Amino acid sequence: MIRRPKFLTLFAVLTSFSAVVTVAANAAVTVTFTKADQYIDVPFSPSDREATLKTLKEHFEKLGSKLPSGQDLKIEVLEVDLAGRSEPSRMGSANDLRVLRGGADWPMIQLRYSLEAGGKSLKQGEAKISDLNYLNHLNRYPSGEPLRYEKAMLDDWFKKDILSAK
């Protein structure tokens, strides 16, 4: 008999926690890739291309999880130029190597975006996001992380341009 109130209290706490998690998940991110087969610099092989675009999409979705409840972000990726340059493998492998030199090989992603809340536009525009000094500052992603320079660049853009929108 004494345990019943504790059980009800625990149930109430868990139910309210569940409601908070649900509210935080109400932000939505929609990512589309326009003419992805014509991007300047994504892998040529279909499986590598798909993996690259999937990684970018998942990263945009991860960023979108930081949006306040009720905000929706639509992103249309127009162009992708990855960090470094793709060079043929000298080891006879079918996969090319991505060589990072830090010169004119910086990452660039061009996109169109729209941030909305309750059907009202908070911010929209087109952005050409790049990081000319991508090799000259600390990167928060580990060295084996796919698209680590692009992710860091997108993190900075998201914090500066999207999260600052009211």
Protein backbone atom coordinates (compact mmCIF):
# COMPACT_ATOMS: atom_id res chain seq x y z
CA MET A 1 0.00 0.00 0.00
CA ILE A 2 2.79 2.42 0.80
CA ARG A 3 4.52 1.65 -2.51
CA ARG A 4 1.57 2.71 -4.58
CA PRO A 5 2.08 6.48 -4.15
CA LYS A 6 5.79 6.05 -5.02
CA PHE A 7 4.81 4.11 -8.13
CA LEU A 8 2.34 6.84 -9.13
CA THR A 9 4.98 9.51 -8.52
CA LEU A 10 7.51 7.61 -10.62
CA PHE A 11 4.91 7.13 -13.36
CA ALA A 12 4.11 10.87 -13.34
CA VAL A 13 7.80 11.80 -13.53
CA LEU A 14 8.44 9.40 -16.41
CA THR A 15 5.34 10.59 -18.26
CA SER A 16 6.33 14.24 -17.96
CA PHE A 17 9.90 13.42 -19.06
CA SER A 18 8.49 11.65 -22.09
CA ALA A 19 6.40 14.73 -22.93
CA VAL A 20 9.49 16.96 -22.75
CA VAL A 21 11.43 14.66 -25.10
CA THR A 22 8.50 14.64 -27.54
CA VAL A 23 8.28 18.45 -27.58
CA ALA A 24 12.02 18.75 -28.29
CA ALA A 25 11.64 16.38 -31.23
CA ASN A 26 9.00 18.55 -32.91
CA ALA A 27 11.60 20.42 -34.97
CA ALA A 28 11.83 19.02 -38.50
CA VAL A 29 14.62 19.15 -41.05
CA THR A 30 14.02 18.45 -44.72
CA VAL A 31 17.10 18.06 -46.93
CA THR A 32 17.02 17.77 -50.71
CA PHE A 33 19.93 17.50 -53.14
CA THR A 34 19.28 19.32 -56.41
CA LYS A 35 21.07 17.84 -59.45
CA ALA A 36 23.46 15.88 -57.24
CA ASP A 37 24.89 14.10 -60.28
CA GLN A 38 26.24 17.47 -61.47
CA TYR A 39 27.97 18.59 -58.26
CA ILE A 40 31.55 19.79 -58.73
CA ASP A 41 33.17 17.39 -56.32
CA VAL A 42 31.48 14.32 -54.93
CA PRO A 43 32.70 10.77 -55.49
CA PHE A 44 32.10 9.34 -58.95
CA SER A 45 31.06 5.85 -57.89
CA PRO A 46 27.33 5.64 -57.11
CA SER A 47 27.87 3.94 -53.74
CA ASP A 48 30.47 6.51 -52.61
CA ARG A 49 28.30 9.37 -53.88
CA GLU A 50 25.30 7.98 -51.99
CA ALA A 51 27.37 7.58 -48.80
CA THR A 52 28.65 11.16 -49.06
CA LEU A 53 25.18 12.64 -49.56
CA LYS A 54 23.77 10.46 -46.78
CA THR A 55 26.49 11.70 -44.40
CA LEU A 56 25.67 15.31 -45.26
CA LYS A 57 21.92 14.72 -44.85
CA GLU A 58 22.41 13.06 -41.46
CA HIS A 59 24.60 15.94 -40.32
CA PHE A 60 21.99 18.53 -41.32
CA GLU A 61 19.41 16.48 -39.38
CA LYS A 62 21.71 16.38 -36.34
CA LEU A 63 22.09 20.15 -36.51
CA GLY A 64 18.32 20.52 -36.83
CA SER A 65 17.85 18.68 -33.55
CA LYS A 66 19.27 21.82 -31.88
CA LEU A 67 16.39 23.96 -33.17
CA PRO A 68 13.76 25.16 -30.72
CA SER A 69 10.56 23.16 -30.62
CA GLY A 70 8.17 23.96 -33.46
CA GLN A 71 10.79 25.30 -35.87
CA ASP A 72 11.26 23.61 -39.23
CA LEU A 73 14.31 23.92 -41.45
CA LYS A 74 14.24 23.17 -45.17
CA ILE A 75 17.59 22.84 -46.92
CA GLU A 76 18.12 22.47 -50.64
CA VAL A 77 21.74 21.62 -51.42
CA LEU A 78 22.72 23.23 -54.73
CA GLU A 79 26.46 22.49 -54.96
CA VAL A 80 29.09 20.47 -53.11
CA ASP A 81 32.87 20.85 -53.35
CA LEU A 82 34.57 18.68 -50.73
CA ALA A 83 37.80 19.54 -48.93
CA GLY A 84 40.90 18.48 -50.83
CA ARG A 85 41.16 17.03 -54.30
CA SER A 86 40.41 13.55 -55.54
CA GLU A 87 43.44 11.91 -57.13
CA PRO A 88 43.76 8.46 -58.71
CA SER A 89 45.10 5.82 -56.37
CA ARG A 90 48.67 4.76 -57.12
CA MET A 91 48.15 1.39 -55.47
CA GLY A 92 45.91 -0.05 -58.18
CA SER A 93 42.79 0.40 -56.06
CA ALA A 94 39.50 1.31 -57.70
CA ASN A 95 39.01 4.03 -55.08
CA ASP A 96 40.54 7.45 -55.55
CA LEU A 97 42.44 9.19 -52.77
CA ARG A 98 41.38 12.54 -51.33
CA VAL A 99 44.47 14.70 -50.86
CA LEU A 100 44.28 17.76 -48.58
CA ARG A 101 46.87 20.44 -49.26
CA GLY A 102 45.26 23.54 -47.74
CA GLY A 103 45.61 25.64 -50.88
CA ALA A 104 42.76 26.22 -53.30
CA ASP A 105 41.08 23.01 -52.20
CA TRP A 106 38.87 24.26 -49.36
CA PRO A 107 35.38 22.84 -48.80
CA MET A 108 32.34 24.69 -50.15
CA ILE A 109 28.63 23.90 -49.98
CA GLN A 110 26.04 26.10 -51.63
CA LEU A 111 22.48 25.81 -50.40
CA ARG A 112 19.10 27.45 -50.19
CA TYR A 113 17.37 27.36 -46.81
CA SER A 114 14.15 28.32 -45.09
CA LEU A 115 13.52 28.40 -41.35
CA GLU A 116 9.86 28.46 -40.32
CA ALA A 117 7.81 28.30 -37.15
CA GLY A 118 4.05 27.87 -37.15
CA GLY A 119 3.88 28.50 -40.90
CA LYS A 120 5.68 31.85 -40.50
CA SER A 121 9.04 32.42 -42.18
CA LEU A 122 11.75 33.32 -39.66
CA LYS A 123 14.66 33.38 -42.07
CA GLN A 124 15.39 32.28 -45.60
CA GLY A 125 18.14 32.73 -48.08
CA GLU A 126 20.90 31.25 -50.13
CA ALA A 127 24.32 30.62 -48.65
CA LYS A 128 27.69 29.75 -50.12
CA ILE A 129 29.44 28.22 -47.13
CA SER A 130 33.19 27.73 -47.30
CA ASP A 131 36.24 27.53 -45.06
CA LEU A 132 39.42 28.72 -46.76
CA ASN A 133 41.47 27.97 -43.62
CA TYR A 134 40.06 24.50 -42.99
CA LEU A 135 43.50 23.00 -42.24
CA ASN A 136 44.70 25.91 -40.08
CA HIS A 137 42.44 25.59 -37.05
CA LEU A 138 41.41 22.85 -34.65
CA ASN A 139 38.68 20.53 -35.85
CA ARG A 140 36.31 19.12 -33.23
CA TYR A 141 35.80 15.93 -35.27
CA PRO A 142 38.27 13.03 -35.08
CA SER A 143 40.68 12.46 -37.96
CA GLY A 144 38.83 9.34 -39.18
CA GLU A 145 35.43 11.07 -39.28
CA PRO A 146 33.93 11.22 -42.79
CA LEU A 147 33.57 14.80 -44.06
CA ARG A 148 35.05 16.24 -40.87
CA TYR A 149 35.97 19.56 -42.48
CA GLU A 150 32.58 19.96 -44.12
CA LYS A 151 30.82 19.14 -40.85
CA ALA A 152 32.84 21.70 -38.88
CA MET A 153 32.12 24.31 -41.56
CA LEU A 154 28.38 23.52 -41.47
CA ASP A 155 28.38 23.65 -37.65
CA ASP A 156 29.78 27.19 -37.75
CA TRP A 157 27.25 28.31 -40.38
CA PHE A 158 24.34 26.76 -38.47
CA LYS A 159 25.33 28.42 -35.19
CA LYS A 160 25.91 31.82 -36.80
CA ASP A 161 23.06 32.00 -39.33
CA ILE A 162 20.32 29.63 -38.20
CA LEU A 163 20.38 29.48 -34.41
CA SER A 164 20.71 33.27 -34.23
CA ALA A 165 17.38 33.73 -36.10
CA LYS A 166 14.49 34.76 -33.87
